PDB file of N, CA and C in Angstrom:
ATOM      1  N   MET A   1     111.105-154.820  33.015  1.00  0.00           N
ATOM      2  CA  MET A   1     111.542-155.507  34.221  1.00  0.00           C
ATOM      3  C   MET A   1     111.985-154.473  35.254  1.00  0.00           C
ATOM      4  N   GLY A   2     111.404-154.511  36.422  1.00  0.00           N
ATOM      5  CA  GLY A   2     111.744-153.543  37.462  1.00  0.00           C
ATOM      6  C   GLY A   2     113.037-153.904  38.153  1.00  0.00           C
ATOM      7  N   THR A   3     113.583-152.959  38.907  1.00  0.00           N
ATOM      8  CA  THR A   3     114.867-153.192  39.562  1.00  0.00           C
ATOM      9  C   THR A   3     114.763-154.304  40.607  1.00  0.00           C
ATOM     10  N   MET A   4     113.577-154.561  41.157  1.00  0.00           N
ATOM     11  CA  MET A   4     113.428-155.596  42.168  1.00  0.00           C
ATOM     12  C   MET A   4     113.582-156.999  41.577  1.00  0.00           C
ATOM     13  N   ASP A   5     113.433-157.113  40.250  1.00  0.00           N
ATOM     14  CA  ASP A   5     113.520-158.415  39.612  1.00  0.00           C
ATOM     15  C   ASP A   5     114.960-158.850  39.362  1.00  0.00           C
ATOM     16  N   THR A   6     115.910-157.935  39.524  1.00  0.00           N
ATOM     17  CA  THR A   6     117.290-158.279  39.229  1.00  0.00           C
ATOM     18  C   THR A   6     118.056-158.563  40.512  1.00  0.00           C
ATOM     19  N   PRO A   7     118.959-159.539  40.475  1.00  0.00           N
ATOM     20  CA  PRO A   7     119.721-159.899  41.677  1.00  0.00           C
ATOM     21  C   PRO A   7     120.705-158.820  42.119  1.00  0.00           C
ATOM     22  N   VAL A   8     121.115-157.968  41.192  1.00  0.00           N
ATOM     23  CA  VAL A   8     122.009-156.864  41.535  1.00  0.00           C
ATOM     24  C   VAL A   8     121.375-155.592  40.990  1.00  0.00           C
ATOM     25  N   THR A   9     121.341-154.545  41.817  1.00  0.00           N
ATOM     26  CA  THR A   9     120.710-153.305  41.362  1.00  0.00           C
ATOM     27  C   THR A   9     121.717-152.169  41.282  1.00  0.00           C
ATOM     28  N   LEU A  10     121.320-151.153  40.563  1.00  0.00           N
ATOM     29  CA  LEU A  10     122.145-149.977  40.321  1.00  0.00           C
ATOM     30  C   LEU A  10     121.375-148.780  40.858  1.00  0.00           C
ATOM     31  N   SER A  11     121.999-147.978  41.705  1.00  0.00           N
ATOM     32  CA  SER A  11     121.310-146.805  42.242  1.00  0.00           C
ATOM     33  C   SER A  11     121.234-145.717  41.176  1.00  0.00           C
ATOM     34  N   ALA A  12     120.344-144.758  41.403  1.00  0.00           N
ATOM     35  CA  ALA A  12     120.195-143.644  40.461  1.00  0.00           C
ATOM     36  C   ALA A  12     121.482-142.833  40.363  1.00  0.00           C
ATOM     37  N   SER A  13     122.157-142.626  41.505  1.00  0.00           N
ATOM     38  CA  SER A  13     123.394-141.834  41.479  1.00  0.00           C
ATOM     39  C   SER A  13     124.503-142.573  40.737  1.00  0.00           C
ATOM     40  N   ALA A  14     124.547-143.910  40.868  1.00  0.00           N
ATOM     41  CA  ALA A  14     125.552-144.686  40.139  1.00  0.00           C
ATOM     42  C   ALA A  14     125.267-144.627  38.643  1.00  0.00           C
ATOM     43  N   ALA A  15     124.005-144.759  38.260  1.00  0.00           N
ATOM     44  CA  ALA A  15     123.640-144.708  36.841  1.00  0.00           C
ATOM     45  C   ALA A  15     124.012-143.357  36.244  1.00  0.00           C
ATOM     46  N   LYS A  16     123.772-142.296  37.007  1.00  0.00           N
ATOM     47  CA  LYS A  16     124.090-140.951  36.537  1.00  0.00           C
ATOM     48  C   LYS A  16     125.595-140.778  36.342  1.00  0.00           C
ATOM     49  N   ARG A  17     126.376-141.296  37.293  1.00  0.00           N
ATOM     50  CA  ARG A  17     127.835-141.196  37.206  1.00  0.00           C
ATOM     51  C   ARG A  17     128.376-142.009  36.028  1.00  0.00           C
ATOM     52  N   ILE A  18     127.827-143.208  35.832  1.00  0.00           N
ATOM     53  CA  ILE A  18     128.244-144.053  34.706  1.00  0.00           C
ATOM     54  C   ILE A  18     127.948-143.346  33.387  1.00  0.00           C
ATOM     55  N   ALA A  19     126.763-142.732  33.290  1.00  0.00           N
ATOM     56  CA  ALA A  19     126.398-141.997  32.071  1.00  0.00           C
ATOM     57  C   ALA A  19     127.405-140.884  31.788  1.00  0.00           C
ATOM     58  N   THR A  20     127.828-140.187  32.848  1.00  0.00           N
ATOM     59  CA  THR A  20     128.818-139.112  32.707  1.00  0.00           C
ATOM     60  C   THR A  20     130.157-139.669  32.230  1.00  0.00           C
ATOM     61  N   LEU A  21     130.574-140.791  32.808  1.00  0.00           N
ATOM     62  CA  LEU A  21     131.844-141.416  32.410  1.00  0.00           C
ATOM     63  C   LEU A  21     131.811-141.862  30.951  1.00  0.00           C
ATOM     64  N   ILE A  22     130.702-142.471  30.546  1.00  0.00           N
ATOM     65  CA  ILE A  22     130.569-142.945  29.168  1.00  0.00           C
ATOM     66  C   ILE A  22     130.590-141.763  28.205  1.00  0.00           C
ATOM     67  N   GLN A  23     129.905-140.698  28.593  1.00  0.00           N
ATOM     68  CA  GLN A  23     129.878-139.498  27.763  1.00  0.00           C
ATOM     69  C   GLN A  23     131.282-138.917  27.612  1.00  0.00           C
ATOM     70  N   SER A  24     132.052-138.909  28.700  1.00  0.00           N
ATOM     71  CA  SER A  24     133.398-138.344  28.644  1.00  0.00           C
ATOM     72  C   SER A  24     134.337-139.211  27.802  1.00  0.00           C
ATOM     73  N   GLU A  25     134.033-140.518  27.710  1.00  0.00           N
ATOM     74  CA  GLU A  25     134.832-141.412  26.870  1.00  0.00           C
ATOM     75  C   GLU A  25     134.458-141.241  25.396  1.00  0.00           C
ATOM     76  N   GLY A  26     133.268-140.693  25.149  1.00  0.00           N
ATOM     77  CA  GLY A  26     132.832-140.464  23.787  1.00  0.00           C
ATOM     78  C   GLY A  26     132.443-141.725  23.028  1.00  0.00           C
ATOM     79  N   ASN A  27     132.118-142.793  23.756  1.00  0.00           N
ATOM     80  CA  ASN A  27     131.726-144.044  23.116  1.00  0.00           C
ATOM     81  C   ASN A  27     130.417-144.540  23.730  1.00  0.00           C
ATOM     82  N   PRO A  28     129.296-144.319  23.044  1.00  0.00           N
ATOM     83  CA  PRO A  28     127.994-144.705  23.608  1.00  0.00           C
ATOM     84  C   PRO A  28     127.794-146.219  23.728  1.00  0.00           C
ATOM     85  N   GLU A  29     128.708-147.010  23.150  1.00  0.00           N
ATOM     86  CA  GLU A  29     128.604-148.470  23.225  1.00  0.00           C
ATOM     87  C   GLU A  29     129.120-149.027  24.544  1.00  0.00           C
ATOM     88  N   LEU A  30     129.781-148.197  25.348  1.00  0.00           N
ATOM     89  CA  LEU A  30     130.382-148.681  26.588  1.00  0.00           C
ATOM     90  C   LEU A  30     129.334-149.101  27.610  1.00  0.00           C
ATOM     91  N   LYS A  31     129.686-150.144  28.358  1.00  0.00           N
ATOM     92  CA  LYS A  31     128.841-150.636  29.440  1.00  0.00           C
ATOM     93  C   LYS A  31     129.709-150.698  30.696  1.00  0.00           C
ATOM     94  N   PHE A  32     129.056-150.651  31.849  1.00  0.00           N
ATOM     95  CA  PHE A  32     129.757-150.656  33.138  1.00  0.00           C
ATOM     96  C   PHE A  32     129.825-152.097  33.641  1.00  0.00           C
ATOM     97  N   ARG A  33     131.041-152.629  33.754  1.00  0.00           N
ATOM     98  CA  ARG A  33     131.189-153.996  34.234  1.00  0.00           C
ATOM     99  C   ARG A  33     131.698-153.991  35.675  1.00  0.00           C
ATOM    100  N   ILE A  34     131.008-154.763  36.516  1.00  0.00           N
ATOM    101  CA  ILE A  34     131.499-154.974  37.875  1.00  0.00           C
ATOM    102  C   ILE A  34     131.880-156.442  37.996  1.00  0.00           C
ATOM    103  N   ALA A  35     133.047-156.696  38.546  1.00  0.00           N
ATOM    104  CA  ALA A  35     133.515-158.071  38.725  1.00  0.00           C
ATOM    105  C   ALA A  35     134.069-158.224  40.131  1.00  0.00           C
ATOM    106  N   VAL A  36     134.093-159.454  40.595  1.00  0.00           N
ATOM    107  CA  VAL A  36     134.680-159.773  41.892  1.00  0.00           C
ATOM    108  C   VAL A  36     135.948-160.564  41.633  1.00  0.00           C
ATOM    109  N   ASN A  37     137.053-160.090  42.161  1.00  0.00           N
ATOM    110  CA  ASN A  37     138.336-160.762  41.986  1.00  0.00           C
ATOM    111  C   ASN A  37     138.917-161.137  43.331  1.00  0.00           C
ATOM    112  N   GLY A  38     139.738-162.179  43.344  1.00  0.00           N
ATOM    113  CA  GLY A  38     140.446-162.547  44.564  1.00  0.00           C
ATOM    114  C   GLY A  38     141.471-161.472  44.882  1.00  0.00           C
ATOM    115  N   GLY A  39     141.807-161.326  46.155  1.00  0.00           N
ATOM    116  CA  GLY A  39     142.790-160.317  46.540  1.00  0.00           C
ATOM    117  C   GLY A  39     142.140-159.235  47.370  1.00  0.00           C
ATOM    118  N   GLY A  40     142.842-158.139  47.570  1.00  0.00           N
ATOM    119  CA  GLY A  40     142.296-157.077  48.413  1.00  0.00           C
ATOM    120  C   GLY A  40     142.563-157.397  49.872  1.00  0.00           C
ATOM    121  N   CYS A  41     142.346-156.419  50.724  1.00  0.00           N
ATOM    122  CA  CYS A  41     142.720-156.620  52.124  1.00  0.00           C
ATOM    123  C   CYS A  41     141.732-157.489  52.889  1.00  0.00           C
ATOM    124  N   SER A  42     140.576-157.817  52.294  1.00  0.00           N
ATOM    125  CA  SER A  42     139.626-158.687  52.996  1.00  0.00           C
ATOM    126  C   SER A  42     139.331-159.984  52.245  1.00  0.00           C
ATOM    127  N   GLY A  43     140.104-160.309  51.232  1.00  0.00           N
ATOM    128  CA  GLY A  43     139.911-161.582  50.551  1.00  0.00           C
ATOM    129  C   GLY A  43     139.400-161.473  49.123  1.00  0.00           C
ATOM    130  N   PHE A  44     138.449-160.568  48.890  1.00  0.00           N
ATOM    131  CA  PHE A  44     137.936-160.327  47.551  1.00  0.00           C
ATOM    132  C   PHE A  44     137.924-158.827  47.314  1.00  0.00           C
ATOM    133  N   GLN A  45     137.945-158.439  46.057  1.00  0.00           N
ATOM    134  CA  GLN A  45     137.808-157.011  45.786  1.00  0.00           C
ATOM    135  C   GLN A  45     136.942-156.799  44.554  1.00  0.00           C
ATOM    136  N   TYR A  46     136.332-155.640  44.508  1.00  0.00           N
ATOM    137  CA  TYR A  46     135.480-155.286  43.381  1.00  0.00           C
ATOM    138  C   TYR A  46     136.322-154.622  42.301  1.00  0.00           C
ATOM    139  N   ASP A  47     135.954-154.903  41.080  1.00  0.00           N
ATOM    140  CA  ASP A  47     136.656-154.332  39.948  1.00  0.00           C
ATOM    141  C   ASP A  47     135.611-153.675  39.053  1.00  0.00           C
ATOM    142  N   PHE A  48     135.792-152.403  38.755  1.00  0.00           N
ATOM    143  CA  PHE A  48     134.852-151.670  37.913  1.00  0.00           C
ATOM    144  C   PHE A  48     135.546-151.263  36.619  1.00  0.00           C
ATOM    145  N   ASN A  49     134.908-151.511  35.494  1.00  0.00           N
ATOM    146  CA  ASN A  49     135.475-151.146  34.203  1.00  0.00           C
ATOM    147  C   ASN A  49     134.394-150.697  33.239  1.00  0.00           C
ATOM    148  N   LEU A  50     134.783-149.896  32.278  1.00  0.00           N
ATOM    149  CA  LEU A  50     133.897-149.579  31.164  1.00  0.00           C
ATOM    150  C   LEU A  50     134.349-150.457  30.005  1.00  0.00           C
ATOM    151  N   VAL A  51     133.454-151.258  29.478  1.00  0.00           N
ATOM    152  CA  VAL A  51     133.788-152.205  28.423  1.00  0.00           C
ATOM    153  C   VAL A  51     132.757-152.154  27.305  1.00  0.00           C
ATOM    154  N   GLU A  52     133.161-152.645  26.138  1.00  0.00           N
ATOM    155  CA  GLU A  52     132.214-152.760  25.034  1.00  0.00           C
ATOM    156  C   GLU A  52     131.644-154.166  24.957  1.00  0.00           C
ATOM    157  N   ASP A  53     132.463-155.153  25.313  1.00  0.00           N
ATOM    158  CA  ASP A  53     132.038-156.538  25.115  1.00  0.00           C
ATOM    159  C   ASP A  53     131.100-157.028  26.205  1.00  0.00           C
ATOM    160  N   GLN A  54     130.083-157.725  25.749  1.00  0.00           N
ATOM    161  CA  GLN A  54     129.113-158.324  26.649  1.00  0.00           C
ATOM    162  C   GLN A  54     129.158-159.825  26.408  1.00  0.00           C
ATOM    163  N   LYS A  55     129.281-160.604  27.470  1.00  0.00           N
ATOM    164  CA  LYS A  55     129.384-162.052  27.335  1.00  0.00           C
ATOM    165  C   LYS A  55     128.018-162.717  27.494  1.00  0.00           C
ATOM    166  N   ASP A  56     127.926-163.939  27.013  1.00  0.00           N
ATOM    167  CA  ASP A  56     126.651-164.658  27.035  1.00  0.00           C
ATOM    168  C   ASP A  56     126.104-164.878  28.440  1.00  0.00           C
ATOM    169  N   ASP A  57     127.007-165.078  29.414  1.00  0.00           N
ATOM    170  CA  ASP A  57     126.524-165.377  30.765  1.00  0.00           C
ATOM    171  C   ASP A  57     126.396-164.124  31.639  1.00  0.00           C
ATOM    172  N   ASP A  58     126.550-162.955  31.043  1.00  0.00           N
ATOM    173  CA  ASP A  58     126.440-161.722  31.827  1.00  0.00           C
ATOM    174  C   ASP A  58     125.011-161.453  32.274  1.00  0.00           C
ATOM    175  N   LEU A  59     124.894-161.012  33.517  1.00  0.00           N
ATOM    176  CA  LEU A  59     123.630-160.440  33.962  1.00  0.00           C
ATOM    177  C   LEU A  59     123.642-159.009  33.436  1.00  0.00           C
ATOM    178  N   VAL A  60     122.551-158.607  32.799  1.00  0.00           N
ATOM    179  CA  VAL A  60     122.469-157.260  32.253  1.00  0.00           C
ATOM    180  C   VAL A  60     121.457-156.470  33.070  1.00  0.00           C
ATOM    181  N   VAL A  61     121.924-155.367  33.661  1.00  0.00           N
ATOM    182  CA  VAL A  61     121.055-154.504  34.459  1.00  0.00           C
ATOM    183  C   VAL A  61     121.024-153.139  33.783  1.00  0.00           C
ATOM    184  N   GLU A  62     119.829-152.685  33.436  1.00  0.00           N
ATOM    185  CA  GLU A  62     119.721-151.380  32.792  1.00  0.00           C
ATOM    186  C   GLU A  62     118.992-150.403  33.698  1.00  0.00           C
ATOM    187  N   ARG A  63     119.502-149.188  33.738  1.00  0.00           N
ATOM    188  CA  ARG A  63     118.835-148.139  34.509  1.00  0.00           C
ATOM    189  C   ARG A  63     119.175-146.784  33.910  1.00  0.00           C
ATOM    190  N   ASP A  64     118.166-145.994  33.668  1.00  0.00           N
ATOM    191  CA  ASP A  64     118.346-144.619  33.196  1.00  0.00           C
ATOM    192  C   ASP A  64     119.280-144.520  31.990  1.00  0.00           C
ATOM    193  N   GLY A  65     119.169-145.495  31.085  1.00  0.00           N
ATOM    194  CA  GLY A  65     119.938-145.431  29.848  1.00  0.00           C
ATOM    195  C   GLY A  65     121.345-146.003  29.907  1.00  0.00           C
ATOM    196  N   VAL A  66     121.757-146.519  31.069  1.00  0.00           N
ATOM    197  CA  VAL A  66     123.080-147.149  31.137  1.00  0.00           C
ATOM    198  C   VAL A  66     122.925-148.643  31.428  1.00  0.00           C
ATOM    199  N   THR A  67     123.940-149.400  31.050  1.00  0.00           N
ATOM    200  CA  THR A  67     123.912-150.849  31.222  1.00  0.00           C
ATOM    201  C   THR A  67     125.051-151.285  32.127  1.00  0.00           C
ATOM    202  N   MET A  68     124.708-152.097  33.126  1.00  0.00           N
ATOM    203  CA  MET A  68     125.718-152.682  34.005  1.00  0.00           C
ATOM    204  C   MET A  68     125.765-154.179  33.707  1.00  0.00           C
ATOM    205  N   LEU A  69     126.970-154.719  33.625  1.00  0.00           N
ATOM    206  CA  LEU A  69     127.164-156.141  33.360  1.00  0.00           C
ATOM    207  C   LEU A  69     127.810-156.809  34.568  1.00  0.00           C
ATOM    208  N   VAL A  70     127.308-157.997  34.892  1.00  0.00           N
ATOM    209  CA  VAL A  70     127.906-158.791  35.970  1.00  0.00           C
ATOM    210  C   VAL A  70     128.114-160.197  35.423  1.00  0.00           C
ATOM    211  N   ASP A  71     129.350-160.690  35.453  1.00  0.00           N
ATOM    212  CA  ASP A  71     129.595-162.040  34.947  1.00  0.00           C
ATOM    213  C   ASP A  71     129.037-163.080  35.916  1.00  0.00           C
ATOM    214  N   GLY A  72     128.818-164.274  35.402  1.00  0.00           N
ATOM    215  CA  GLY A  72     128.177-165.339  36.172  1.00  0.00           C
ATOM    216  C   GLY A  72     128.873-165.670  37.478  1.00  0.00           C
ATOM    217  N   LEU A  73     130.206-165.729  37.465  1.00  0.00           N
ATOM    218  CA  LEU A  73     130.947-166.062  38.674  1.00  0.00           C
ATOM    219  C   LEU A  73     130.826-164.958  39.726  1.00  0.00           C
ATOM    220  N   SER A  74     130.962-163.717  39.298  1.00  0.00           N
ATOM    221  CA  SER A  74     130.863-162.594  40.242  1.00  0.00           C
ATOM    222  C   SER A  74     129.466-162.491  40.838  1.00  0.00           C
ATOM    223  N   LEU A  75     128.470-162.895  40.044  1.00  0.00           N
ATOM    224  CA  LEU A  75     127.080-162.819  40.499  1.00  0.00           C
ATOM    225  C   LEU A  75     126.851-163.646  41.756  1.00  0.00           C
ATOM    226  N   LEU A  76     127.612-164.747  41.892  1.00  0.00           N
ATOM    227  CA  LEU A  76     127.493-165.586  43.084  1.00  0.00           C
ATOM    228  C   LEU A  76     127.762-164.782  44.349  1.00  0.00           C
ATOM    229  N   TYR A  77     128.680-163.831  44.257  1.00  0.00           N
ATOM    230  CA  TYR A  77     129.058-163.024  45.424  1.00  0.00           C
ATOM    231  C   TYR A  77     128.257-161.737  45.540  1.00  0.00           C
ATOM    232  N   LEU A  78     127.586-161.366  44.450  1.00  0.00           N
ATOM    233  CA  LEU A  78     126.937-160.053  44.412  1.00  0.00           C
ATOM    234  C   LEU A  78     125.418-160.083  44.523  1.00  0.00           C
ATOM    235  N   THR A  79     124.822-161.266  44.548  1.00  0.00           N
ATOM    236  CA  THR A  79     123.370-161.352  44.603  1.00  0.00           C
ATOM    237  C   THR A  79     122.830-160.589  45.812  1.00  0.00           C
ATOM    238  N   GLY A  80     121.873-159.726  45.559  1.00  0.00           N
ATOM    239  CA  GLY A  80     121.279-158.919  46.616  1.00  0.00           C
ATOM    240  C   GLY A  80     121.962-157.587  46.831  1.00  0.00           C
ATOM    241  N   SER A  81     123.025-157.327  46.080  1.00  0.00           N
ATOM    242  CA  SER A  81     123.790-156.092  46.267  1.00  0.00           C
ATOM    243  C   SER A  81     123.228-154.929  45.469  1.00  0.00           C
ATOM    244  N   GLU A  82     123.554-153.739  45.926  1.00  0.00           N
ATOM    245  CA  GLU A  82     123.266-152.532  45.162  1.00  0.00           C
ATOM    246  C   GLU A  82     124.581-151.813  44.900  1.00  0.00           C
ATOM    247  N   VAL A  83     124.778-151.417  43.655  1.00  0.00           N
ATOM    248  CA  VAL A  83     125.948-150.625  43.305  1.00  0.00           C
ATOM    249  C   VAL A  83     125.528-149.164  43.412  1.00  0.00           C
ATOM    250  N   ASP A  84     126.256-148.405  44.203  1.00  0.00           N
ATOM    251  CA  ASP A  84     125.923-147.010  44.450  1.00  0.00           C
ATOM    252  C   ASP A  84     127.152-146.155  44.153  1.00  0.00           C
ATOM    253  N   PHE A  85     126.909-144.861  44.002  1.00  0.00           N
ATOM    254  CA  PHE A  85     128.014-143.924  43.818  1.00  0.00           C
ATOM    255  C   PHE A  85     127.885-142.872  44.895  1.00  0.00           C
ATOM    256  N   VAL A  86     128.943-142.704  45.672  1.00  0.00           N
ATOM    257  CA  VAL A  86     128.895-141.740  46.774  1.00  0.00           C
ATOM    258  C   VAL A  86     129.962-140.672  46.585  1.00  0.00           C
ATOM    259  N   GLU A  87     129.605-139.481  46.991  1.00  0.00           N
ATOM    260  CA  GLU A  87     130.552-138.372  46.952  1.00  0.00           C
ATOM    261  C   GLU A  87     130.737-137.885  48.369  1.00  0.00           C
ATOM    262  N   GLU A  88     131.964-138.018  48.864  1.00  0.00           N
ATOM    263  CA  GLU A  88     132.280-137.630  50.233  1.00  0.00           C
ATOM    264  C   GLU A  88     133.509-136.749  50.218  1.00  0.00           C
ATOM    265  N   LEU A  89     133.861-136.216  51.368  1.00  0.00           N
ATOM    266  CA  LEU A  89     135.059-135.390  51.468  1.00  0.00           C
ATOM    267  C   LEU A  89     136.312-136.160  51.060  1.00  0.00           C
ATOM    268  N   ALA A  90     136.331-137.441  51.394  1.00  0.00           N
ATOM    269  CA  ALA A  90     137.496-138.276  51.081  1.00  0.00           C
ATOM    270  C   ALA A  90     137.604-138.569  49.591  1.00  0.00           C
ATOM    271  N   GLY A  91     136.551-138.278  48.843  1.00  0.00           N
ATOM    272  CA  GLY A  91     136.555-138.548  47.410  1.00  0.00           C
ATOM    273  C   GLY A  91     135.253-139.190  46.984  1.00  0.00           C
ATOM    274  N   SER A  92     135.074-139.273  45.695  1.00  0.00           N
ATOM    275  CA  SER A  92     133.864-139.903  45.191  1.00  0.00           C
ATOM    276  C   SER A  92     134.225-141.265  44.619  1.00  0.00           C
ATOM    277  N   MET A  93     133.341-142.237  44.828  1.00  0.00           N
ATOM    278  CA  MET A  93     133.653-143.597  44.396  1.00  0.00           C
ATOM    279  C   MET A  93     132.393-144.438  44.279  1.00  0.00           C
ATOM    280  N   PHE A  94     132.539-145.518  43.520  1.00  0.00           N
ATOM    281  CA  PHE A  94     131.468-146.504  43.464  1.00  0.00           C
ATOM    282  C   PHE A  94     131.605-147.388  44.693  1.00  0.00           C
ATOM    283  N   VAL A  95     130.485-147.710  45.312  1.00  0.00           N
ATOM    284  CA  VAL A  95     130.488-148.621  46.454  1.00  0.00           C
ATOM    285  C   VAL A  95     129.449-149.703  46.211  1.00  0.00           C
ATOM    286  N   VAL A  96     129.696-150.867  46.793  1.00  0.00           N
ATOM    287  CA  VAL A  96     128.770-151.973  46.656  1.00  0.00           C
ATOM    288  C   VAL A  96     128.188-152.257  48.030  1.00  0.00           C
ATOM    289  N   LYS A  97     126.871-152.131  48.131  1.00  0.00           N
ATOM    290  CA  LYS A  97     126.194-152.462  49.384  1.00  0.00           C
ATOM    291  C   LYS A  97     125.845-153.940  49.279  1.00  0.00           C
ATOM    292  N   ASN A  98     126.717-154.776  49.855  1.00  0.00           N
ATOM    293  CA  ASN A  98     126.630-156.218  49.666  1.00  0.00           C
ATOM    294  C   ASN A  98     126.220-156.919  50.953  1.00  0.00           C
ATOM    295  N   PRO A  99     125.006-157.493  50.982  1.00  0.00           N
ATOM    296  CA  PRO A  99     124.537-158.176  52.195  1.00  0.00           C
ATOM    297  C   PRO A  99     125.275-159.491  52.463  1.00  0.00           C
ATOM    298  N   ASN A 100     126.016-159.987  51.465  1.00  0.00           N
ATOM    299  CA  ASN A 100     126.749-161.248  51.623  1.00  0.00           C
ATOM    300  C   ASN A 100     128.104-161.060  52.295  1.00  0.00           C
ATOM    301  N   ALA A 101     128.578-159.815  52.315  1.00  0.00           N
ATOM    302  CA  ALA A 101     129.911-159.565  52.856  1.00  0.00           C
ATOM    303  C   ALA A 101     129.887-159.626  54.379  1.00  0.00           C
ATOM    304  N   THR A 102     130.769-160.425  54.932  1.00  0.00           N
ATOM    305  CA  THR A 102     130.840-160.541  56.391  1.00  0.00           C
ATOM    306  C   THR A 102     131.851-159.567  56.965  1.00  0.00           C
ATOM    307  N   ALA A 103     132.806-159.181  56.142  1.00  0.00           N
ATOM    308  CA  ALA A 103     133.813-158.220  56.587  1.00  0.00           C
ATOM    309  C   ALA A 103     134.197-157.377  55.394  1.00  0.00           C
ATOM    310  N   SER A 104     134.385-156.108  55.630  1.00  0.00           N
ATOM    311  CA  SER A 104     134.854-155.267  54.543  1.00  0.00           C
ATOM    312  C   SER A 104     135.926-154.345  55.107  1.00  0.00           C
ATOM    313  N   CYS A 105     136.707-153.789  54.230  1.00  0.00           N
ATOM    314  CA  CYS A 105     137.803-152.947  54.700  1.00  0.00           C
ATOM    315  C   CYS A 105     137.382-151.490  54.621  1.00  0.00           C
ATOM    316  N   GLY A 106     138.169-150.627  55.172  1.00  0.00           N
ATOM    317  CA  GLY A 106     137.847-149.208  55.185  1.00  0.00           C
ATOM    318  C   GLY A 106     137.732-148.593  53.818  1.00  0.00           C
ATOM    319  N   CYS A 107     138.491-149.112  52.847  1.00  0.00           N
ATOM    320  CA  CYS A 107     138.456-148.502  51.528  1.00  0.00           C
ATOM    321  C   CYS A 107     137.198-148.898  50.765  1.00  0.00           C
ATOM    322  N   GLY A 108     136.477-149.915  51.251  1.00  0.00           N
ATOM    323  CA  GLY A 108     135.222-150.288  50.631  1.00  0.00           C
ATOM    324  C   GLY A 108     135.367-151.055  49.326  1.00  0.00           C
ATOM    325  N   SER A 109     136.622-151.349  48.919  1.00  0.00           N
ATOM    326  CA  SER A 109     136.780-152.022  47.644  1.00  0.00           C
ATOM    327  C   SER A 109     137.078-153.504  47.788  1.00  0.00           C
ATOM    328  N   SER A 110     137.216-153.998  49.019  1.00  0.00           N
ATOM    329  CA  SER A 110     137.411-155.427  49.191  1.00  0.00           C
ATOM    330  C   SER A 110     136.511-155.919  50.320  1.00  0.00           C
ATOM    331  N   PHE A 111     136.255-157.234  50.305  1.00  0.00           N
ATOM    332  CA  PHE A 111     135.324-157.792  51.282  1.00  0.00           C
ATOM    333  C   PHE A 111     135.609-159.273  51.465  1.00  0.00           C
ATOM    334  N   ALA A 112     135.013-159.875  52.475  1.00  0.00           N
ATOM    335  CA  ALA A 112     135.124-161.310  52.715  1.00  0.00           C
ATOM    336  C   ALA A 112     133.720-161.880  52.823  1.00  0.00           C
ATOM    337  N   VAL A 113     133.566-163.159  52.470  1.00  0.00           N
ATOM    338  CA  VAL A 113     132.262-163.820  52.612  1.00  0.00           C
ATOM    339  C   VAL A 113     132.381-165.016  53.513  1.00  0.00           C
TER     340      VAL A 113
END
């Protein structure tokens, strides 16, 4: 299944960073979970975690040997998004390029729909 077939995609740089994080944790069973939670300065915020558990309703996105999980509820807000990893002078972080977001804050971790 190609990346175009999935509602949420993972960039090559994000996959590479996730692989590095999993390697540093020393647990190859870990998966990268992205969730959308209420709160944040624009109404919703993204939550990134490394987890072992995969739920039945998770969207599973695989790229370059890493697995990203998106729960069913978060998927409603994330459809069409790409998860990317950027390294800038201000720091390196995961960012979500979300076409559904109408407003986002400067920190890039919260958004409104």
